Amino acid sequence: MIEARRLLVSGRVQGVGFRAFVAAAAGRLGLAGWVRNLADGRVEVLAEGVPEALDQLAAACARGPLLSRVDAVAASGAAAEGRRGFRQAADG
């Protein structure tokens, strides 16, 4: 069963390679969707795939890359739309 989740990641998550880290993790997990920086300093992730892979992506986001500091990851459900591939989107 394919699901979609929206993750909002807070902390020092911009300017530290966080989007590339998320895109690489999502690719390894076979997820589709996108990641982008938000104007308020958070990073937003929309990912679609099997629940176990989405859980693994959320755990990866909670760890983050070496130079990041993740304070919180807020997850919510989203509509699965049959997305293909995972990309770094324009900042929102």
PDB file of N, CA and C in Angstrom:
ATOM      1  N   MET A   1       0.839  -1.191   0.000  1.00  0.00           N
ATOM      2  CA  MET A   1       0.000   0.000   0.000  1.00  0.00           C
ATOM      3  C   MET A   1       0.879   1.249   0.000  1.00  0.00           C
ATOM      4  N   ILE A   2       0.606   2.146  -0.902  1.00  0.00           N
ATOM      5  CA  ILE A   2       1.371   3.393  -1.021  1.00  0.00           C
ATOM      6  C   ILE A   2       0.685   4.469  -0.179  1.00  0.00           C
ATOM      7  N   GLU A   3       1.501   5.165   0.597  1.00  0.00           N
ATOM      8  CA  GLU A   3       1.039   6.285   1.413  1.00  0.00           C
ATOM      9  C   GLU A   3       1.899   7.501   1.086  1.00  0.00           C
ATOM     10  N   ALA A   4       1.470   8.650   1.576  1.00  0.00           N
ATOM     11  CA  ALA A   4       2.270   9.875   1.454  1.00  0.00           C
ATOM     12  C   ALA A   4       2.314  10.560   2.807  1.00  0.00           C
ATOM     13  N   ARG A   5       3.445  11.199   3.082  1.00  0.00           N
ATOM     14  CA  ARG A   5       3.610  11.951   4.322  1.00  0.00           C
ATOM     15  C   ARG A   5       4.302  13.263   4.055  1.00  0.00           C
ATOM     16  N   ARG A   6       3.913  14.244   4.858  1.00  0.00           N
ATOM     17  CA  ARG A   6       4.568  15.548   4.846  1.00  0.00           C
ATOM     18  C   ARG A   6       5.357  15.648   6.144  1.00  0.00           C
ATOM     19  N   LEU A   7       6.636  15.980   6.030  1.00  0.00           N
ATOM     20  CA  LEU A   7       7.500  16.159   7.191  1.00  0.00           C
ATOM     21  C   LEU A   7       7.957  17.607   7.237  1.00  0.00           C
ATOM     22  N   LEU A   8       7.884  18.217   8.398  1.00  0.00           N
ATOM     23  CA  LEU A   8       8.433  19.554   8.621  1.00  0.00           C
ATOM     24  C   LEU A   8       9.566  19.406   9.627  1.00  0.00           C
ATOM     25  N   VAL A   9      10.762  19.755   9.197  1.00  0.00           N
ATOM     26  CA  VAL A   9      11.953  19.539   9.999  1.00  0.00           C
ATOM     27  C   VAL A   9      12.483  20.883  10.476  1.00  0.00           C
ATOM     28  N   SER A  10      12.662  21.022  11.797  1.00  0.00           N
ATOM     29  CA  SER A  10      13.141  22.265  12.391  1.00  0.00           C
ATOM     30  C   SER A  10      14.526  22.067  12.991  1.00  0.00           C
ATOM     31  N   GLY A  11      15.246  23.159  13.090  1.00  0.00           N
ATOM     32  CA  GLY A  11      16.585  23.162  13.673  1.00  0.00           C
ATOM     33  C   GLY A  11      17.534  23.866  12.731  1.00  0.00           C
ATOM     34  N   ARG A  12      18.809  23.471  12.769  1.00  0.00           N
ATOM     35  CA  ARG A  12      19.779  24.009  11.806  1.00  0.00           C
ATOM     36  C   ARG A  12      19.761  23.049  10.616  1.00  0.00           C
ATOM     37  N   VAL A  13      18.836  23.290   9.692  1.00  0.00           N
ATOM     38  CA  VAL A  13      18.601  22.363   8.595  1.00  0.00           C
ATOM     39  C   VAL A  13      18.713  23.030   7.215  1.00  0.00           C
ATOM     40  N   GLN A  14      19.100  24.280   7.180  1.00  0.00           N
ATOM     41  CA  GLN A  14      19.336  24.952   5.902  1.00  0.00           C
ATOM     42  C   GLN A  14      20.807  25.346   5.829  1.00  0.00           C
ATOM     43  N   GLY A  15      21.376  25.202   4.632  1.00  0.00           N
ATOM     44  CA  GLY A  15      22.777  25.562   4.434  1.00  0.00           C
ATOM     45  C   GLY A  15      23.751  24.522   4.941  1.00  0.00           C
ATOM     46  N   VAL A  16      23.265  23.295   5.203  1.00  0.00           N
ATOM     47  CA  VAL A  16      24.118  22.223   5.736  1.00  0.00           C
ATOM     48  C   VAL A  16      24.003  20.940   4.914  1.00  0.00           C
ATOM     49  N   GLY A  17      23.448  21.034   3.707  1.00  0.00           N
ATOM     50  CA  GLY A  17      23.305  19.864   2.856  1.00  0.00           C
ATOM     51  C   GLY A  17      22.117  18.981   3.201  1.00  0.00           C
ATOM     52  N   PHE A  18      21.157  19.534   3.929  1.00  0.00           N
ATOM     53  CA  PHE A  18      20.023  18.727   4.384  1.00  0.00           C
ATOM     54  C   PHE A  18      19.155  18.236   3.227  1.00  0.00           C
ATOM     55  N   ARG A  19      18.867  19.110   2.267  1.00  0.00           N
ATOM     56  CA  ARG A  19      18.010  18.688   1.145  1.00  0.00           C
ATOM     57  C   ARG A  19      18.664  17.576   0.341  1.00  0.00           C
ATOM     58  N   ALA A  20      19.957  17.688   0.074  1.00  0.00           N
ATOM     59  CA  ALA A  20      20.666  16.637  -0.667  1.00  0.00           C
ATOM     60  C   ALA A  20      20.677  15.338   0.129  1.00  0.00           C
ATOM     61  N   PHE A  21      20.844  15.442   1.436  1.00  0.00           N
ATOM     62  CA  PHE A  21      20.823  14.274   2.324  1.00  0.00           C
ATOM     63  C   PHE A  21      19.468  13.569   2.242  1.00  0.00           C
ATOM     64  N   VAL A  22      18.389  14.347   2.304  1.00  0.00           N
ATOM     65  CA  VAL A  22      17.040  13.776   2.234  1.00  0.00           C
ATOM     66  C   VAL A  22      16.798  13.150   0.866  1.00  0.00           C
ATOM     67  N   ALA A  23      17.187  13.838  -0.200  1.00  0.00           N
ATOM     68  CA  ALA A  23      16.974  13.307  -1.551  1.00  0.00           C
ATOM     69  C   ALA A  23      17.725  11.995  -1.739  1.00  0.00           C
ATOM     70  N   ALA A  24      18.946  11.910  -1.243  1.00  0.00           N
ATOM     71  CA  ALA A  24      19.723  10.672  -1.362  1.00  0.00           C
ATOM     72  C   ALA A  24      19.071   9.544  -0.557  1.00  0.00           C
ATOM     73  N   ALA A  25      18.629   9.845   0.661  1.00  0.00           N
ATOM     74  CA  ALA A  25      17.973   8.828   1.489  1.00  0.00           C
ATOM     75  C   ALA A  25      16.688   8.352   0.831  1.00  0.00           C
ATOM     76  N   ALA A  26      15.898   9.279   0.313  1.00  0.00           N
ATOM     77  CA  ALA A  26      14.635   8.920  -0.342  1.00  0.00           C
ATOM     78  C   ALA A  26      14.890   8.053  -1.564  1.00  0.00           C
ATOM     79  N   GLY A  27      15.928   8.381  -2.317  1.00  0.00           N
ATOM     80  CA  GLY A  27      16.276   7.581  -3.488  1.00  0.00           C
ATOM     81  C   GLY A  27      16.649   6.161  -3.108  1.00  0.00           C
ATOM     82  N   ARG A  28      17.458   6.013  -2.066  1.00  0.00           N
ATOM     83  CA  ARG A  28      17.845   4.680  -1.601  1.00  0.00           C
ATOM     84  C   ARG A  28      16.638   3.878  -1.143  1.00  0.00           C
ATOM     85  N   LEU A  29      15.641   4.564  -0.585  1.00  0.00           N
ATOM     86  CA  LEU A  29      14.447   3.901  -0.045  1.00  0.00           C
ATOM     87  C   LEU A  29      13.357   3.697  -1.095  1.00  0.00           C
ATOM     88  N   GLY A  30      13.587   4.174  -2.308  1.00  0.00           N
ATOM     89  CA  GLY A  30      12.609   4.001  -3.378  1.00  0.00           C
ATOM     90  C   GLY A  30      11.382   4.885  -3.242  1.00  0.00           C
ATOM     91  N   LEU A  31      11.554   6.041  -2.595  1.00  0.00           N
ATOM     92  CA  LEU A  31      10.440   6.965  -2.388  1.00  0.00           C
ATOM     93  C   LEU A  31      10.376   8.005  -3.501  1.00  0.00           C
ATOM     94  N   ALA A  32       9.206   8.545  -3.710  1.00  0.00           N
ATOM     95  CA  ALA A  32       8.986   9.643  -4.653  1.00  0.00           C
ATOM     96  C   ALA A  32       8.595  10.882  -3.861  1.00  0.00           C
ATOM     97  N   GLY A  33       8.776  12.053  -4.474  1.00  0.00           N
ATOM     98  CA  GLY A  33       8.352  13.293  -3.832  1.00  0.00           C
ATOM     99  C   GLY A  33       9.361  14.398  -4.004  1.00  0.00           C
ATOM    100  N   TRP A  34       9.442  15.262  -2.992  1.00  0.00           N
ATOM    101  CA  TRP A  34      10.336  16.417  -3.067  1.00  0.00           C
ATOM    102  C   TRP A  34      10.707  16.901  -1.674  1.00  0.00           C
ATOM    103  N   VAL A  35      11.748  17.741  -1.635  1.00  0.00           N
ATOM    104  CA  VAL A  35      12.195  18.393  -0.404  1.00  0.00           C
ATOM    105  C   VAL A  35      12.511  19.840  -0.760  1.00  0.00           C
ATOM    106  N   ARG A  36      12.171  20.767   0.140  1.00  0.00           N
ATOM    107  CA  ARG A  36      12.456  22.186  -0.118  1.00  0.00           C
ATOM    108  C   ARG A  36      12.671  22.929   1.195  1.00  0.00           C
ATOM    109  N   ASN A  37      13.413  24.041   1.096  1.00  0.00           N
ATOM    110  CA  ASN A  37      13.594  24.953   2.224  1.00  0.00           C
ATOM    111  C   ASN A  37      12.361  25.837   2.335  1.00  0.00           C
ATOM    112  N   LEU A  38      11.972  26.153   3.556  1.00  0.00           N
ATOM    113  CA  LEU A  38      10.895  27.109   3.797  1.00  0.00           C
ATOM    114  C   LEU A  38      11.493  28.431   4.272  1.00  0.00           C
ATOM    115  N   ALA A  39      10.777  29.501   4.051  1.00  0.00           N
ATOM    116  CA  ALA A  39      11.251  30.841   4.416  1.00  0.00           C
ATOM    117  C   ALA A  39      11.486  30.988   5.918  1.00  0.00           C
ATOM    118  N   ASP A  40      10.801  30.188   6.735  1.00  0.00           N
ATOM    119  CA  ASP A  40      10.942  30.298   8.189  1.00  0.00           C
ATOM    120  C   ASP A  40      12.120  29.494   8.748  1.00  0.00           C
ATOM    121  N   GLY A  41      12.938  28.895   7.865  1.00  0.00           N
ATOM    122  CA  GLY A  41      14.124  28.164   8.320  1.00  0.00           C
ATOM    123  C   GLY A  41      13.937  26.667   8.425  1.00  0.00           C
ATOM    124  N   ARG A  42      12.715  26.202   8.287  1.00  0.00           N
ATOM    125  CA  ARG A  42      12.472  24.758   8.322  1.00  0.00           C
ATOM    126  C   ARG A  42      12.672  24.159   6.936  1.00  0.00           C
ATOM    127  N   VAL A  43      12.688  22.830   6.886  1.00  0.00           N
ATOM    128  CA  VAL A  43      12.715  22.098   5.628  1.00  0.00           C
ATOM    129  C   VAL A  43      11.427  21.287   5.559  1.00  0.00           C
ATOM    130  N   GLU A  44      10.780  21.310   4.391  1.00  0.00           N
ATOM    131  CA  GLU A  44       9.551  20.550   4.170  1.00  0.00           C
ATOM    132  C   GLU A  44       9.852  19.395   3.227  1.00  0.00           C
ATOM    133  N   VAL A  45       9.341  18.219   3.576  1.00  0.00           N
ATOM    134  CA  VAL A  45       9.512  17.021   2.766  1.00  0.00           C
ATOM    135  C   VAL A  45       8.131  16.465   2.467  1.00  0.00           C
ATOM    136  N   LEU A  46       7.882  16.119   1.214  1.00  0.00           N
ATOM    137  CA  LEU A  46       6.673  15.387   0.845  1.00  0.00           C
ATOM    138  C   LEU A  46       7.158  14.102   0.193  1.00  0.00           C
ATOM    139  N   ALA A  47       6.867  12.982   0.820  1.00  0.00           N
ATOM    140  CA  ALA A  47       7.358  11.699   0.327  1.00  0.00           C
ATOM    141  C   ALA A  47       6.212  10.725   0.180  1.00  0.00           C
ATOM    142  N   GLU A  48       6.356   9.846  -0.806  1.00  0.00           N
ATOM    143  CA  GLU A  48       5.317   8.886  -1.134  1.00  0.00           C
ATOM    144  C   GLU A  48       5.959   7.519  -1.340  1.00  0.00           C
ATOM    145  N   GLY A  49       5.381   6.482  -0.728  1.00  0.00           N
ATOM    146  CA  GLY A  49       5.903   5.127  -0.880  1.00  0.00           C
ATOM    147  C   GLY A  49       5.301   4.210   0.160  1.00  0.00           C
ATOM    148  N   VAL A  50       5.964   3.089   0.400  1.00  0.00           N
ATOM    149  CA  VAL A  50       5.450   2.128   1.384  1.00  0.00           C
ATOM    150  C   VAL A  50       5.704   2.668   2.793  1.00  0.00           C
ATOM    151  N   PRO A  51       4.814   2.363   3.736  1.00  0.00           N
ATOM    152  CA  PRO A  51       4.929   2.917   5.089  1.00  0.00           C
ATOM    153  C   PRO A  51       6.283   2.678   5.758  1.00  0.00           C
ATOM    154  N   GLU A  52       6.861   1.507   5.581  1.00  0.00           N
ATOM    155  CA  GLU A  52       8.143   1.208   6.228  1.00  0.00           C
ATOM    156  C   GLU A  52       9.247   2.143   5.721  1.00  0.00           C
ATOM    157  N   ALA A  53       9.249   2.402   4.423  1.00  0.00           N
ATOM    158  CA  ALA A  53      10.248   3.312   3.857  1.00  0.00           C
ATOM    159  C   ALA A  53      10.011   4.742   4.334  1.00  0.00           C
ATOM    160  N   LEU A  54       8.756   5.142   4.464  1.00  0.00           N
ATOM    161  CA  LEU A  54       8.445   6.484   4.979  1.00  0.00           C
ATOM    162  C   LEU A  54       8.916   6.619   6.416  1.00  0.00           C
ATOM    163  N   ASP A  55       8.750   5.568   7.214  1.00  0.00           N
ATOM    164  CA  ASP A  55       9.249   5.580   8.596  1.00  0.00           C
ATOM    165  C   ASP A  55      10.768   5.740   8.617  1.00  0.00           C
ATOM    166  N   GLN A  56      11.441   5.024   7.713  1.00  0.00           N
ATOM    167  CA  GLN A  56      12.905   5.107   7.648  1.00  0.00           C
ATOM    168  C   GLN A  56      13.355   6.496   7.221  1.00  0.00           C
ATOM    169  N   LEU A  57      12.624   7.120   6.303  1.00  0.00           N
ATOM    170  CA  LEU A  57      12.979   8.484   5.889  1.00  0.00           C
ATOM    171  C   LEU A  57      12.791   9.456   7.051  1.00  0.00           C
ATOM    172  N   ALA A  58      11.707   9.317   7.797  1.00  0.00           N
ATOM    173  CA  ALA A  58      11.483  10.193   8.954  1.00  0.00           C
ATOM    174  C   ALA A  58      12.610  10.028   9.970  1.00  0.00           C
ATOM    175  N   ALA A  59      13.065   8.790  10.185  1.00  0.00           N
ATOM    176  CA  ALA A  59      14.176   8.547  11.111  1.00  0.00           C
ATOM    177  C   ALA A  59      15.455   9.186  10.588  1.00  0.00           C
ATOM    178  N   ALA A  60      15.691   9.094   9.277  1.00  0.00           N
ATOM    179  CA  ALA A  60      16.872   9.725   8.689  1.00  0.00           C
ATOM    180  C   ALA A  60      16.805  11.238   8.858  1.00  0.00           C
ATOM    181  N   CYS A  61      15.622  11.817   8.654  1.00  0.00           N
ATOM    182  CA  CYS A  61      15.448  13.262   8.840  1.00  0.00           C
ATOM    183  C   CYS A  61      15.729  13.660  10.284  1.00  0.00           C
ATOM    184  N   ALA A  62      15.357  12.827  11.228  1.00  0.00           N
ATOM    185  CA  ALA A  62      15.590  13.128  12.644  1.00  0.00           C
ATOM    186  C   ALA A  62      17.090  13.132  12.964  1.00  0.00           C
ATOM    187  N   ARG A  63      17.860  12.316  12.250  1.00  0.00           N
ATOM    188  CA  ARG A  63      19.323  12.301  12.435  1.00  0.00           C
ATOM    189  C   ARG A  63      19.967  13.453  11.677  1.00  0.00           C
ATOM    190  N   GLY A  64      19.605  13.604  10.404  1.00  0.00           N
ATOM    191  CA  GLY A  64      20.167  14.644   9.552  1.00  0.00           C
ATOM    192  C   GLY A  64      21.614  14.392   9.196  1.00  0.00           C
ATOM    193  N   PRO A  65      22.165  15.215   8.291  1.00  0.00           N
ATOM    194  CA  PRO A  65      23.579  15.101   7.933  1.00  0.00           C
ATOM    195  C   PRO A  65      24.470  15.650   9.050  1.00  0.00           C
ATOM    196  N   LEU A  66      25.735  15.430   8.910  1.00  0.00           N
ATOM    197  CA  LEU A  66      26.712  15.742   9.955  1.00  0.00           C
ATOM    198  C   LEU A  66      26.623  17.173  10.500  1.00  0.00           C
ATOM    199  N   LEU A  67      26.506  18.167   9.639  1.00  0.00           N
ATOM    200  CA  LEU A  67      26.546  19.562  10.086  1.00  0.00           C
ATOM    201  C   LEU A  67      25.199  20.105  10.559  1.00  0.00           C
ATOM    202  N   SER A  68      24.156  19.307  10.454  1.00  0.00           N
ATOM    203  CA  SER A  68      22.826  19.777  10.852  1.00  0.00           C
ATOM    204  C   SER A  68      22.590  19.565  12.340  1.00  0.00           C
ATOM    205  N   ARG A  69      21.531  20.188  12.829  1.00  0.00           N
ATOM    206  CA  ARG A  69      21.023  19.941  14.184  1.00  0.00           C
ATOM    207  C   ARG A  69      19.509  19.906  14.048  1.00  0.00           C
ATOM    208  N   VAL A  70      18.934  18.759  14.223  1.00  0.00           N
ATOM    209  CA  VAL A  70      17.489  18.607  14.087  1.00  0.00           C
ATOM    210  C   VAL A  70      16.846  18.731  15.466  1.00  0.00           C
ATOM    211  N   ASP A  71      15.955  19.716  15.595  1.00  0.00           N
ATOM    212  CA  ASP A  71      15.234  19.919  16.850  1.00  0.00           C
ATOM    213  C   ASP A  71      13.918  19.152  16.872  1.00  0.00           C
ATOM    214  N   ALA A  72      13.251  19.042  15.724  1.00  0.00           N
ATOM    215  CA  ALA A  72      11.955  18.364  15.674  1.00  0.00           C
ATOM    216  C   ALA A  72      11.624  17.956  14.246  1.00  0.00           C
ATOM    217  N   VAL A  73      10.880  16.858  14.148  1.00  0.00           N
ATOM    218  CA  VAL A  73      10.317  16.416  12.868  1.00  0.00           C
ATOM    219  C   VAL A  73       8.831  16.206  13.108  1.00  0.00           C
ATOM    220  N   ALA A  74       8.010  17.029  12.481  1.00  0.00           N
ATOM    221  CA  ALA A  74       6.551  16.909  12.597  1.00  0.00           C
ATOM    222  C   ALA A  74       6.042  16.217  11.342  1.00  0.00           C
ATOM    223  N   ALA A  75       5.316  15.119  11.525  1.00  0.00           N
ATOM    224  CA  ALA A  75       4.804  14.348  10.390  1.00  0.00           C
ATOM    225  C   ALA A  75       3.287  14.437  10.332  1.00  0.00           C
ATOM    226  N   SER A  76       2.778  14.482   9.111  1.00  0.00           N
ATOM    227  CA  SER A  76       1.334  14.433   8.905  1.00  0.00           C
ATOM    228  C   SER A  76       1.052  13.680   7.617  1.00  0.00           C
ATOM    229  N   GLY A  77      -0.148  13.168   7.500  1.00  0.00           N
ATOM    230  CA  GLY A  77      -0.539  12.450   6.294  1.00  0.00           C
ATOM    231  C   GLY A  77      -0.717  13.409   5.131  1.00  0.00           C
ATOM    232  N   ALA A  78      -0.582  12.871   3.941  1.00  0.00           N
ATOM    233  CA  ALA A  78      -0.781  13.653   2.721  1.00  0.00           C
ATOM    234  C   ALA A  78      -1.427  12.736   1.690  1.00  0.00           C
ATOM    235  N   ALA A  79      -1.908  13.317   0.614  1.00  0.00           N
ATOM    236  CA  ALA A  79      -2.546  12.537  -0.444  1.00  0.00           C
ATOM    237  C   ALA A  79      -1.485  11.921  -1.351  1.00  0.00           C
ATOM    238  N   ALA A  80      -1.571  10.611  -1.552  1.00  0.00           N
ATOM    239  CA  ALA A  80      -0.689   9.938  -2.501  1.00  0.00           C
ATOM    240  C   ALA A  80      -1.187  10.245  -3.913  1.00  0.00           C
ATOM    241  N   GLU A  81      -0.281  10.706  -4.768  1.00  0.00           N
ATOM    242  CA  GLU A  81      -0.671  11.127  -6.110  1.00  0.00           C
ATOM    243  C   GLU A  81       0.060  10.366  -7.204  1.00  0.00           C
ATOM    244  N   GLY A  82       0.764   9.292  -6.860  1.00  0.00           N
ATOM    245  CA  GLY A  82       1.484   8.541  -7.873  1.00  0.00           C
ATOM    246  C   GLY A  82       2.705   9.266  -8.412  1.00  0.00           C
ATOM    247  N   ARG A  83       3.353  10.045  -7.559  1.00  0.00           N
ATOM    248  CA  ARG A  83       4.552  10.779  -7.976  1.00  0.00           C
ATOM    249  C   ARG A  83       5.635   9.801  -8.423  1.00  0.00           C
ATOM    250  N   ARG A  84       6.555  10.284  -9.236  1.00  0.00           N
ATOM    251  CA  ARG A  84       7.699   9.492  -9.695  1.00  0.00           C
ATOM    252  C   ARG A  84       8.968  10.279  -9.421  1.00  0.00           C
ATOM    253  N   GLY A  85       9.970   9.605  -8.897  1.00  0.00           N
ATOM    254  CA  GLY A  85      11.253  10.241  -8.632  1.00  0.00           C
ATOM    255  C   GLY A  85      11.195  11.136  -7.407  1.00  0.00           C
ATOM    256  N   PHE A  86      12.368  11.559  -6.968  1.00  0.00           N
ATOM    257  CA  PHE A  86      12.468  12.442  -5.811  1.00  0.00           C
ATOM    258  C   PHE A  86      13.376  13.590  -6.201  1.00  0.00           C
ATOM    259  N   ARG A  87      12.963  14.823  -5.913  1.00  0.00           N
ATOM    260  CA  ARG A  87      13.728  15.992  -6.350  1.00  0.00           C
ATOM    261  C   ARG A  87      13.834  17.034  -5.241  1.00  0.00           C
ATOM    262  N   GLN A  88      14.802  17.898  -5.402  1.00  0.00           N
ATOM    263  CA  GLN A  88      14.913  19.065  -4.545  1.00  0.00           C
ATOM    264  C   GLN A  88      14.120  20.175  -5.233  1.00  0.00           C
ATOM    265  N   ALA A  89      13.054  20.612  -4.595  1.00  0.00           N
ATOM    266  CA  ALA A  89      12.169  21.623  -5.173  1.00  0.00           C
ATOM    267  C   ALA A  89      12.695  23.019  -4.885  1.00  0.00           C
ATOM    268  N   ALA A  90      12.153  23.986  -5.589  1.00  0.00           N
ATOM    269  CA  ALA A  90      12.474  25.392  -5.338  1.00  0.00           C
ATOM    270  C   ALA A  90      12.048  25.748  -3.929  1.00  0.00           C
ATOM    271  N   ASP A  91      12.747  26.678  -3.334  1.00  0.00           N
ATOM    272  CA  ASP A  91      12.411  27.106  -1.981  1.00  0.00           C
ATOM    273  C   ASP A  91      10.998  27.649  -1.924  1.00  0.00           C
ATOM    274  N   GLY A  92      10.348  27.392  -0.791  1.00  0.00           N
ATOM    275  CA  GLY A  92       8.972  27.827  -0.626  1.00  0.00           C
ATOM    276  C   GLY A  92       8.816  28.918   0.356  1.00  0.00           C
TER     277      GLY A  92
END
